[in-house]
Amino acid sequence: MFTSALLADEVAPANREAAPQPALRLLNTKVFGKSADEPIVVLQKAAKGAIAPESVFLDIDDNGTYYASTVRYPLKLGLETVRKLLNKEYGKWEMEDFAKMPDMGLWRNEDDKFSIQLTEDGDNVVVIYISFMRVPADRLEKAFERVAEELSKESKE
C-alpha cells in the first residue's frame, strides 16, 4: 500500500483556503503639519490582528509641528513582507529603482507630500516617513527679496 502526504504549498489552490494576509498598523500621516500642542491619532485604524509597530518616534520641527516619523516593526517580519504590506497602501508611489532592492525601499507620495524609506537595522524593520519641506509663501517671498537685494549689492560693487 502506498500513501503520500502533500505539503500545504503542494495542495492545489482550489482545494485549500487562502491564508489570511497579515496587515500592518501604519502611521497616520495626517499628523504631518499638526502642532505638537494638538491631540493626534498616531496610527491608522487597522484590521483585527494587524501587526502593530514595536515603536513609533515622531519628529518635530523648529515651529513645533510634526514633519517625520520612524516606525519600527519586528525584524521577524522581514523587509520583503513589510514592503508588500506597505504596497497595499502606497504601491502606486513606490520608486521603480528601489522596488527590487533587497535592502531598501522608497516611496514618494506626491499627492500627500511625503516619502517613505524602508530598511532594516539589525533589530527591526524600519519605516521612515518624512513630509516634503513646505515653505510658506511669505517666507519664500522674503527669501527671494533677500536674494534680489544681495544681487543688487553685488552688481553695484
N, C-alpha and C. Protein backbone atom coordinates (compact mmCIF):
# COMPACT_ATOMS: atom_id res chain seq x y z
N MET A 1 0.84 -1.16 0.00
CA MET A 1 0.00 0.00 0.00
C MET A 1 0.89 1.23 0.00
N PHE A 2 0.56 2.22 -0.84
CA PHE A 2 1.34 3.43 -0.98
C PHE A 2 0.50 4.60 -0.51
N THR A 3 1.06 5.42 0.37
CA THR A 3 0.36 6.63 0.79
C THR A 3 1.31 7.80 0.61
N SER A 4 0.76 8.94 0.46
CA SER A 4 1.60 10.14 0.35
C SER A 4 0.91 11.29 1.06
N ALA A 5 1.70 12.23 1.41
CA ALA A 5 1.17 13.43 2.05
C ALA A 5 1.65 14.62 1.25
N LEU A 6 0.80 15.59 1.10
CA LEU A 6 1.18 16.80 0.40
C LEU A 6 1.40 17.90 1.42
N LEU A 7 2.42 18.70 1.17
CA LEU A 7 2.62 19.88 1.99
C LEU A 7 1.57 20.91 1.61
N ALA A 8 1.31 21.82 2.47
CA ALA A 8 0.29 22.84 2.20
C ALA A 8 0.56 23.56 0.89
N ASP A 9 1.83 23.83 0.58
CA ASP A 9 2.18 24.52 -0.65
C ASP A 9 1.90 23.68 -1.88
N GLU A 10 1.79 22.37 -1.72
CA GLU A 10 1.59 21.48 -2.86
C GLU A 10 0.11 21.23 -3.15
N VAL A 11 -0.76 21.61 -2.26
CA VAL A 11 -2.19 21.41 -2.46
C VAL A 11 -2.67 22.40 -3.51
N ALA A 12 -3.47 21.94 -4.41
CA ALA A 12 -4.00 22.82 -5.45
C ALA A 12 -4.75 23.98 -4.81
N PRO A 13 -4.59 25.19 -5.35
CA PRO A 13 -5.24 26.37 -4.75
C PRO A 13 -6.74 26.20 -4.55
N ALA A 14 -7.42 25.52 -5.44
CA ALA A 14 -8.87 25.35 -5.30
C ALA A 14 -9.23 24.48 -4.11
N ASN A 15 -8.27 23.67 -3.65
CA ASN A 15 -8.55 22.73 -2.56
C ASN A 15 -8.11 23.24 -1.19
N ARG A 16 -7.56 24.43 -1.14
CA ARG A 16 -7.15 24.95 0.17
C ARG A 16 -7.67 26.37 0.35
N GLU A 17 -7.86 26.69 1.59
CA GLU A 17 -8.30 28.04 1.89
C GLU A 17 -7.11 28.97 1.85
N ALA A 18 -7.31 30.17 1.36
CA ALA A 18 -6.22 31.14 1.31
C ALA A 18 -5.87 31.57 2.73
N ALA A 19 -4.59 31.59 2.99
CA ALA A 19 -4.13 32.05 4.30
C ALA A 19 -4.44 33.53 4.41
N PRO A 20 -4.91 33.98 5.55
CA PRO A 20 -5.19 35.41 5.67
C PRO A 20 -3.90 36.22 5.54
N GLN A 21 -4.00 37.30 4.77
CA GLN A 21 -2.85 38.17 4.59
C GLN A 21 -2.67 39.02 5.85
N PRO A 22 -1.45 39.08 6.35
CA PRO A 22 -1.25 39.95 7.51
C PRO A 22 -1.40 41.41 7.09
N ALA A 23 -1.62 42.24 8.05
CA ALA A 23 -1.73 43.68 7.82
C ALA A 23 -0.86 44.39 8.83
N LEU A 24 -0.44 45.60 8.50
CA LEU A 24 0.36 46.41 9.42
C LEU A 24 -0.48 47.57 9.94
N ARG A 25 -0.22 47.95 11.18
CA ARG A 25 -0.73 49.24 11.67
C ARG A 25 0.25 50.28 11.14
N LEU A 26 -0.22 51.11 10.24
CA LEU A 26 0.63 52.12 9.60
C LEU A 26 0.50 53.46 10.30
N LEU A 27 1.49 54.29 10.08
CA LEU A 27 1.46 55.65 10.61
C LEU A 27 0.31 56.42 9.99
N ASN A 28 -0.34 57.23 10.79
CA ASN A 28 -1.35 58.16 10.30
C ASN A 28 -0.61 59.41 9.83
N THR A 29 -0.37 59.51 8.53
CA THR A 29 0.44 60.62 8.01
C THR A 29 -0.27 61.96 8.09
N LYS A 30 -1.53 61.96 8.50
CA LYS A 30 -2.24 63.22 8.69
C LYS A 30 -1.67 64.00 9.88
N VAL A 31 -0.78 63.38 10.66
CA VAL A 31 -0.14 64.10 11.76
C VAL A 31 0.83 65.15 11.23
N PHE A 32 1.35 64.95 10.01
CA PHE A 32 2.33 65.90 9.47
C PHE A 32 1.71 67.28 9.32
N GLY A 33 2.44 68.26 9.82
CA GLY A 33 1.97 69.64 9.78
C GLY A 33 1.13 70.04 10.97
N LYS A 34 0.75 69.09 11.81
CA LYS A 34 -0.03 69.41 13.02
C LYS A 34 0.92 69.90 14.11
N SER A 35 0.41 70.73 14.95
CA SER A 35 1.18 71.25 16.08
C SER A 35 1.33 70.17 17.15
N ALA A 36 2.46 70.17 17.80
CA ALA A 36 2.69 69.23 18.90
C ALA A 36 1.77 69.54 20.08
N ASP A 37 1.12 70.69 20.05
CA ASP A 37 0.17 71.06 21.11
C ASP A 37 -1.21 70.45 20.89
N GLU A 38 -1.46 69.94 19.68
CA GLU A 38 -2.78 69.37 19.35
C GLU A 38 -2.81 67.88 19.69
N PRO A 39 -3.97 67.37 20.07
CA PRO A 39 -4.10 65.91 20.20
C PRO A 39 -4.05 65.29 18.80
N ILE A 40 -3.39 64.15 18.68
CA ILE A 40 -3.28 63.48 17.38
C ILE A 40 -3.56 61.98 17.53
N VAL A 41 -3.88 61.36 16.41
CA VAL A 41 -4.00 59.91 16.33
C VAL A 41 -2.77 59.45 15.56
N VAL A 42 -1.90 58.70 16.21
CA VAL A 42 -0.59 58.35 15.65
C VAL A 42 -0.69 57.27 14.58
N LEU A 43 -1.51 56.25 14.80
CA LEU A 43 -1.59 55.13 13.86
C LEU A 43 -2.95 55.09 13.17
N GLN A 44 -2.95 54.61 11.93
CA GLN A 44 -4.20 54.40 11.21
C GLN A 44 -4.97 53.26 11.86
N LYS A 45 -6.28 53.28 11.68
CA LYS A 45 -7.07 52.12 12.12
C LYS A 45 -6.67 50.95 11.25
N ALA A 46 -6.73 49.76 11.83
CA ALA A 46 -6.32 48.57 11.07
C ALA A 46 -7.26 47.42 11.37
N ALA A 47 -7.18 46.44 10.51
CA ALA A 47 -7.98 45.22 10.68
C ALA A 47 -7.57 44.50 11.95
N LYS A 48 -8.50 43.71 12.46
CA LYS A 48 -8.21 42.89 13.64
C LYS A 48 -7.01 42.00 13.34
N GLY A 49 -6.10 41.93 14.28
CA GLY A 49 -4.92 41.09 14.11
C GLY A 49 -3.78 41.77 13.37
N ALA A 50 -3.94 43.03 13.00
CA ALA A 50 -2.87 43.73 12.31
C ALA A 50 -1.64 43.82 13.21
N ILE A 51 -0.49 43.81 12.59
CA ILE A 51 0.77 43.84 13.33
C ILE A 51 1.10 45.28 13.70
N ALA A 52 1.19 45.52 14.99
CA ALA A 52 1.50 46.86 15.49
C ALA A 52 3.01 47.08 15.48
N PRO A 53 3.43 48.32 15.32
CA PRO A 53 4.87 48.59 15.42
C PRO A 53 5.36 48.39 16.85
N GLU A 54 6.65 48.10 16.96
CA GLU A 54 7.26 47.99 18.29
C GLU A 54 7.51 49.37 18.87
N SER A 55 7.76 50.35 18.01
CA SER A 55 7.94 51.72 18.48
C SER A 55 7.64 52.70 17.36
N VAL A 56 7.24 53.90 17.76
CA VAL A 56 6.98 54.99 16.83
C VAL A 56 7.61 56.24 17.42
N PHE A 57 8.47 56.88 16.64
CA PHE A 57 9.08 58.14 17.04
C PHE A 57 8.58 59.22 16.10
N LEU A 58 8.18 60.37 16.64
CA LEU A 58 7.72 61.49 15.83
C LEU A 58 8.73 62.62 15.95
N ASP A 59 9.06 63.24 14.81
CA ASP A 59 9.99 64.37 14.79
C ASP A 59 9.21 65.67 14.68
N ILE A 60 9.67 66.66 15.42
CA ILE A 60 9.02 67.96 15.48
C ILE A 60 10.02 69.00 14.99
N ASP A 61 9.57 69.89 14.09
CA ASP A 61 10.47 70.91 13.56
C ASP A 61 10.57 72.10 14.52
N ASP A 62 11.32 73.11 14.11
CA ASP A 62 11.55 74.29 14.96
C ASP A 62 10.28 75.08 15.24
N ASN A 63 9.26 74.87 14.42
CA ASN A 63 7.98 75.56 14.63
C ASN A 63 7.02 74.76 15.49
N GLY A 64 7.48 73.60 15.98
CA GLY A 64 6.64 72.78 16.84
C GLY A 64 5.61 71.94 16.10
N THR A 65 5.88 71.63 14.82
CA THR A 65 4.96 70.79 14.06
C THR A 65 5.63 69.47 13.67
N TYR A 66 4.81 68.44 13.59
CA TYR A 66 5.30 67.12 13.21
C TYR A 66 5.66 67.11 11.73
N TYR A 67 6.82 66.57 11.40
CA TYR A 67 7.22 66.51 9.99
C TYR A 67 7.79 65.16 9.58
N ALA A 68 8.11 64.28 10.52
CA ALA A 68 8.69 62.98 10.17
C ALA A 68 8.41 61.98 11.28
N SER A 69 8.60 60.70 10.93
CA SER A 69 8.38 59.64 11.91
C SER A 69 9.22 58.42 11.55
N THR A 70 9.70 57.74 12.57
CA THR A 70 10.39 56.46 12.41
C THR A 70 9.54 55.41 13.09
N VAL A 71 9.15 54.40 12.31
CA VAL A 71 8.27 53.34 12.80
C VAL A 71 9.04 52.04 12.69
N ARG A 72 9.14 51.30 13.80
CA ARG A 72 9.91 50.06 13.83
C ARG A 72 8.99 48.86 14.04
N TYR A 73 9.14 47.87 13.13
CA TYR A 73 8.37 46.64 13.19
C TYR A 73 9.29 45.48 13.54
N PRO A 74 8.74 44.38 14.04
CA PRO A 74 9.58 43.23 14.39
C PRO A 74 10.41 42.75 13.19
N LEU A 75 11.68 42.47 13.44
CA LEU A 75 12.58 42.00 12.40
C LEU A 75 12.11 40.70 11.78
N LYS A 76 11.42 39.87 12.58
CA LYS A 76 10.97 38.57 12.07
C LYS A 76 10.01 38.71 10.88
N LEU A 77 9.39 39.88 10.70
CA LEU A 77 8.52 40.09 9.54
C LEU A 77 9.31 40.07 8.25
N GLY A 78 10.50 40.59 8.29
CA GLY A 78 11.33 40.66 7.09
C GLY A 78 11.00 41.86 6.23
N LEU A 79 12.02 42.38 5.58
CA LEU A 79 11.87 43.57 4.76
C LEU A 79 10.88 43.36 3.62
N GLU A 80 10.94 42.23 2.94
CA GLU A 80 10.05 42.00 1.80
C GLU A 80 8.58 41.90 2.21
N THR A 81 8.31 41.31 3.35
CA THR A 81 6.93 41.25 3.83
C THR A 81 6.41 42.65 4.12
N VAL A 82 7.22 43.45 4.79
CA VAL A 82 6.80 44.83 5.09
C VAL A 82 6.63 45.61 3.79
N ARG A 83 7.52 45.40 2.82
CA ARG A 83 7.39 46.07 1.51
C ARG A 83 6.03 45.73 0.88
N LYS A 84 5.67 44.45 0.86
CA LYS A 84 4.39 44.04 0.27
C LYS A 84 3.22 44.67 1.01
N LEU A 85 3.32 44.73 2.33
CA LEU A 85 2.22 45.31 3.11
C LEU A 85 2.14 46.83 2.92
N LEU A 86 3.29 47.50 2.81
CA LEU A 86 3.28 48.93 2.51
C LEU A 86 2.68 49.19 1.13
N ASN A 87 2.97 48.29 0.20
CA ASN A 87 2.46 48.47 -1.16
C ASN A 87 0.95 48.33 -1.25
N LYS A 88 0.33 47.67 -0.28
CA LYS A 88 -1.14 47.61 -0.27
C LYS A 88 -1.71 49.03 -0.16
N GLU A 89 -1.03 49.86 0.59
CA GLU A 89 -1.49 51.24 0.82
C GLU A 89 -0.81 52.23 -0.14
N TYR A 90 0.48 52.03 -0.41
CA TYR A 90 1.28 53.04 -1.12
C TYR A 90 1.91 52.54 -2.42
N GLY A 91 1.47 51.40 -2.94
CA GLY A 91 2.10 50.79 -4.10
C GLY A 91 2.28 51.70 -5.30
N LYS A 92 1.31 52.56 -5.56
CA LYS A 92 1.42 53.40 -6.76
C LYS A 92 2.54 54.44 -6.63
N TRP A 93 3.06 54.64 -5.43
CA TRP A 93 4.12 55.62 -5.24
C TRP A 93 5.51 54.98 -5.05
N GLU A 94 5.58 53.66 -5.17
CA GLU A 94 6.89 53.01 -4.98
C GLU A 94 7.82 53.45 -6.11
N MET A 95 9.04 53.84 -5.74
CA MET A 95 10.04 54.28 -6.72
C MET A 95 10.59 53.04 -7.43
N GLU A 96 10.46 53.03 -8.73
CA GLU A 96 10.81 51.86 -9.54
C GLU A 96 12.24 51.40 -9.30
N ASP A 97 13.18 52.33 -9.18
CA ASP A 97 14.59 51.97 -8.99
C ASP A 97 14.83 51.23 -7.68
N PHE A 98 13.93 51.37 -6.73
CA PHE A 98 14.09 50.74 -5.42
C PHE A 98 13.19 49.54 -5.21
N ALA A 99 12.29 49.27 -6.14
CA ALA A 99 11.29 48.22 -5.97
C ALA A 99 11.90 46.83 -5.83
N LYS A 100 13.04 46.59 -6.43
CA LYS A 100 13.67 45.27 -6.39
C LYS A 100 14.91 45.23 -5.50
N MET A 101 15.22 46.33 -4.85
CA MET A 101 16.41 46.34 -3.98
C MET A 101 16.16 45.46 -2.76
N PRO A 102 17.06 44.55 -2.45
CA PRO A 102 16.83 43.63 -1.33
C PRO A 102 16.99 44.25 0.05
N ASP A 103 17.62 45.43 0.11
CA ASP A 103 17.89 46.02 1.42
C ASP A 103 17.29 47.40 1.63
N MET A 104 16.45 47.84 0.68
CA MET A 104 15.86 49.18 0.84
C MET A 104 14.66 49.34 -0.08
N GLY A 105 13.70 50.13 0.36
CA GLY A 105 12.56 50.51 -0.46
C GLY A 105 12.33 52.01 -0.32
N LEU A 106 11.73 52.61 -1.34
CA LEU A 106 11.48 54.05 -1.30
C LEU A 106 10.18 54.35 -2.03
N TRP A 107 9.35 55.17 -1.41
CA TRP A 107 8.08 55.63 -1.97
C TRP A 107 8.06 57.14 -1.90
N ARG A 108 7.46 57.78 -2.89
CA ARG A 108 7.32 59.24 -2.88
C ARG A 108 5.87 59.56 -3.23
N ASN A 109 5.11 59.87 -2.21
CA ASN A 109 3.68 60.16 -2.36
C ASN A 109 3.53 61.65 -2.69
N GLU A 110 3.41 61.91 -3.99
CA GLU A 110 3.27 63.30 -4.44
C GLU A 110 1.93 63.91 -4.03
N ASP A 111 0.90 63.07 -3.92
CA ASP A 111 -0.43 63.58 -3.57
C ASP A 111 -0.45 64.16 -2.16
N ASP A 112 0.10 63.42 -1.21
CA ASP A 112 0.06 63.83 0.19
C ASP A 112 1.37 64.43 0.68
N LYS A 113 2.35 64.54 -0.21
CA LYS A 113 3.62 65.25 0.05
C LYS A 113 4.46 64.62 1.16
N PHE A 114 4.70 63.31 1.04
CA PHE A 114 5.66 62.68 1.96
C PHE A 114 6.34 61.51 1.27
N SER A 115 7.50 61.15 1.80
CA SER A 115 8.25 60.00 1.30
C SER A 115 8.35 58.96 2.40
N ILE A 116 8.60 57.71 1.96
CA ILE A 116 8.78 56.59 2.89
C ILE A 116 10.06 55.87 2.50
N GLN A 117 10.88 55.57 3.49
CA GLN A 117 12.07 54.76 3.28
C GLN A 117 11.94 53.50 4.12
N LEU A 118 12.27 52.36 3.52
CA LEU A 118 12.20 51.06 4.19
C LEU A 118 13.59 50.46 4.25
N THR A 119 14.02 50.08 5.46
CA THR A 119 15.31 49.43 5.66
C THR A 119 15.22 48.47 6.84
N GLU A 120 16.31 47.79 7.12
CA GLU A 120 16.47 47.00 8.35
C GLU A 120 17.67 47.56 9.08
N ASP A 121 17.64 47.49 10.40
CA ASP A 121 18.79 47.99 11.17
C ASP A 121 19.44 46.91 12.03
N GLY A 122 19.10 45.65 11.82
CA GLY A 122 19.65 44.57 12.62
C GLY A 122 18.75 44.15 13.76
N ASP A 123 17.92 45.08 14.25
CA ASP A 123 16.98 44.79 15.32
C ASP A 123 15.52 44.86 14.86
N ASN A 124 15.26 45.69 13.86
CA ASN A 124 13.90 45.94 13.40
C ASN A 124 13.87 46.17 11.90
N VAL A 125 12.66 46.04 11.35
CA VAL A 125 12.38 46.58 10.02
C VAL A 125 11.96 48.02 10.27
N VAL A 126 12.63 48.95 9.63
CA VAL A 126 12.44 50.37 9.92
C VAL A 126 11.76 51.07 8.74
N VAL A 127 10.68 51.78 9.06
CA VAL A 127 9.96 52.55 8.06
C VAL A 127 10.04 54.01 8.50
N ILE A 128 10.67 54.83 7.65
CA ILE A 128 10.82 56.26 7.96
C ILE A 128 9.93 57.05 7.01
N TYR A 129 9.08 57.87 7.58
CA TYR A 129 8.20 58.76 6.83
C TYR A 129 8.74 60.18 7.01
N ILE A 130 8.77 60.96 5.94
CA ILE A 130 9.16 62.36 6.07
C ILE A 130 8.34 63.20 5.10
N SER A 131 7.76 64.26 5.63
CA SER A 131 6.97 65.14 4.77
C SER A 131 7.92 66.01 3.96
N PHE A 132 7.48 66.41 2.77
CA PHE A 132 8.30 67.29 1.95
C PHE A 132 8.38 68.64 2.63
N MET A 133 9.47 69.29 2.44
CA MET A 133 9.62 70.63 3.02
C MET A 133 8.59 71.56 2.39
N ARG A 134 7.83 72.18 3.24
CA ARG A 134 6.83 73.14 2.77
C ARG A 134 7.25 74.51 3.27
N VAL A 135 7.54 75.40 2.33
CA VAL A 135 7.93 76.74 2.69
C VAL A 135 6.72 77.64 2.47
N PRO A 136 6.25 78.28 3.55
CA PRO A 136 5.10 79.18 3.39
C PRO A 136 5.43 80.29 2.39
N ALA A 137 4.43 80.75 1.67
CA ALA A 137 4.62 81.74 0.61
C ALA A 137 5.32 83.00 1.13
N ASP A 138 4.99 83.46 2.34
CA ASP A 138 5.60 84.69 2.85
C ASP A 138 7.10 84.49 3.11
N ARG A 139 7.49 83.31 3.60
CA ARG A 139 8.91 83.04 3.80
C ARG A 139 9.65 82.94 2.47
N LEU A 140 9.01 82.34 1.49
CA LEU A 140 9.61 82.22 0.17
C LEU A 140 9.79 83.60 -0.46
N GLU A 141 8.77 84.44 -0.32
CA GLU A 141 8.86 85.79 -0.87
C GLU A 141 9.99 86.58 -0.21
N LYS A 142 10.12 86.48 1.11
CA LYS A 142 11.20 87.17 1.82
C LYS A 142 12.57 86.66 1.38
N ALA A 143 12.67 85.36 1.15
CA ALA A 143 13.93 84.79 0.70
C ALA A 143 14.31 85.34 -0.67
N PHE A 144 13.33 85.43 -1.58
CA PHE A 144 13.61 85.99 -2.90
C PHE A 144 13.99 87.45 -2.81
N GLU A 145 13.34 88.20 -1.89
CA GLU A 145 13.69 89.61 -1.69
C GLU A 145 15.13 89.75 -1.22
N ARG A 146 15.55 88.88 -0.29
CA ARG A 146 16.93 88.93 0.20
C ARG A 146 17.92 88.61 -0.92
N VAL A 147 17.60 87.65 -1.73
CA VAL A 147 18.47 87.30 -2.86
C VAL A 147 18.56 88.48 -3.82
N ALA A 148 17.44 89.09 -4.12
CA ALA A 148 17.43 90.25 -5.02
C ALA A 148 18.28 91.38 -4.46
N GLU A 149 18.18 91.64 -3.16
CA GLU A 149 18.99 92.68 -2.51
C GLU A 149 20.48 92.36 -2.62
N GLU A 150 20.84 91.11 -2.36
CA GLU A 150 22.24 90.71 -2.45
C GLU A 150 22.77 90.85 -3.88
N LEU A 151 21.98 90.44 -4.84
CA LEU A 151 22.39 90.58 -6.24
C LEU A 151 22.54 92.04 -6.62
N SER A 152 21.64 92.86 -6.11
CA SER A 152 21.71 94.30 -6.39
C SER A 152 23.00 94.89 -5.80
N LYS A 153 23.34 94.50 -4.56
CA LYS A 153 24.57 94.99 -3.91
C LYS A 153 25.79 94.56 -4.71
N GLU A 154 25.80 93.30 -5.14
CA GLU A 154 26.95 92.78 -5.89
C GLU A 154 27.12 93.49 -7.22
N SER A 155 26.01 93.83 -7.87
CA SER A 155 26.11 94.49 -9.17
C SER A 155 26.63 95.93 -9.03
N LYS A 156 26.46 96.55 -7.86
CA LYS A 156 26.95 97.91 -7.60
C LYS A 156 28.43 97.91 -7.24
N GLU A 157 28.96 96.79 -6.82
CA GLU A 157 30.36 96.71 -6.38
C GLU A 157 31.29 96.59 -7.53
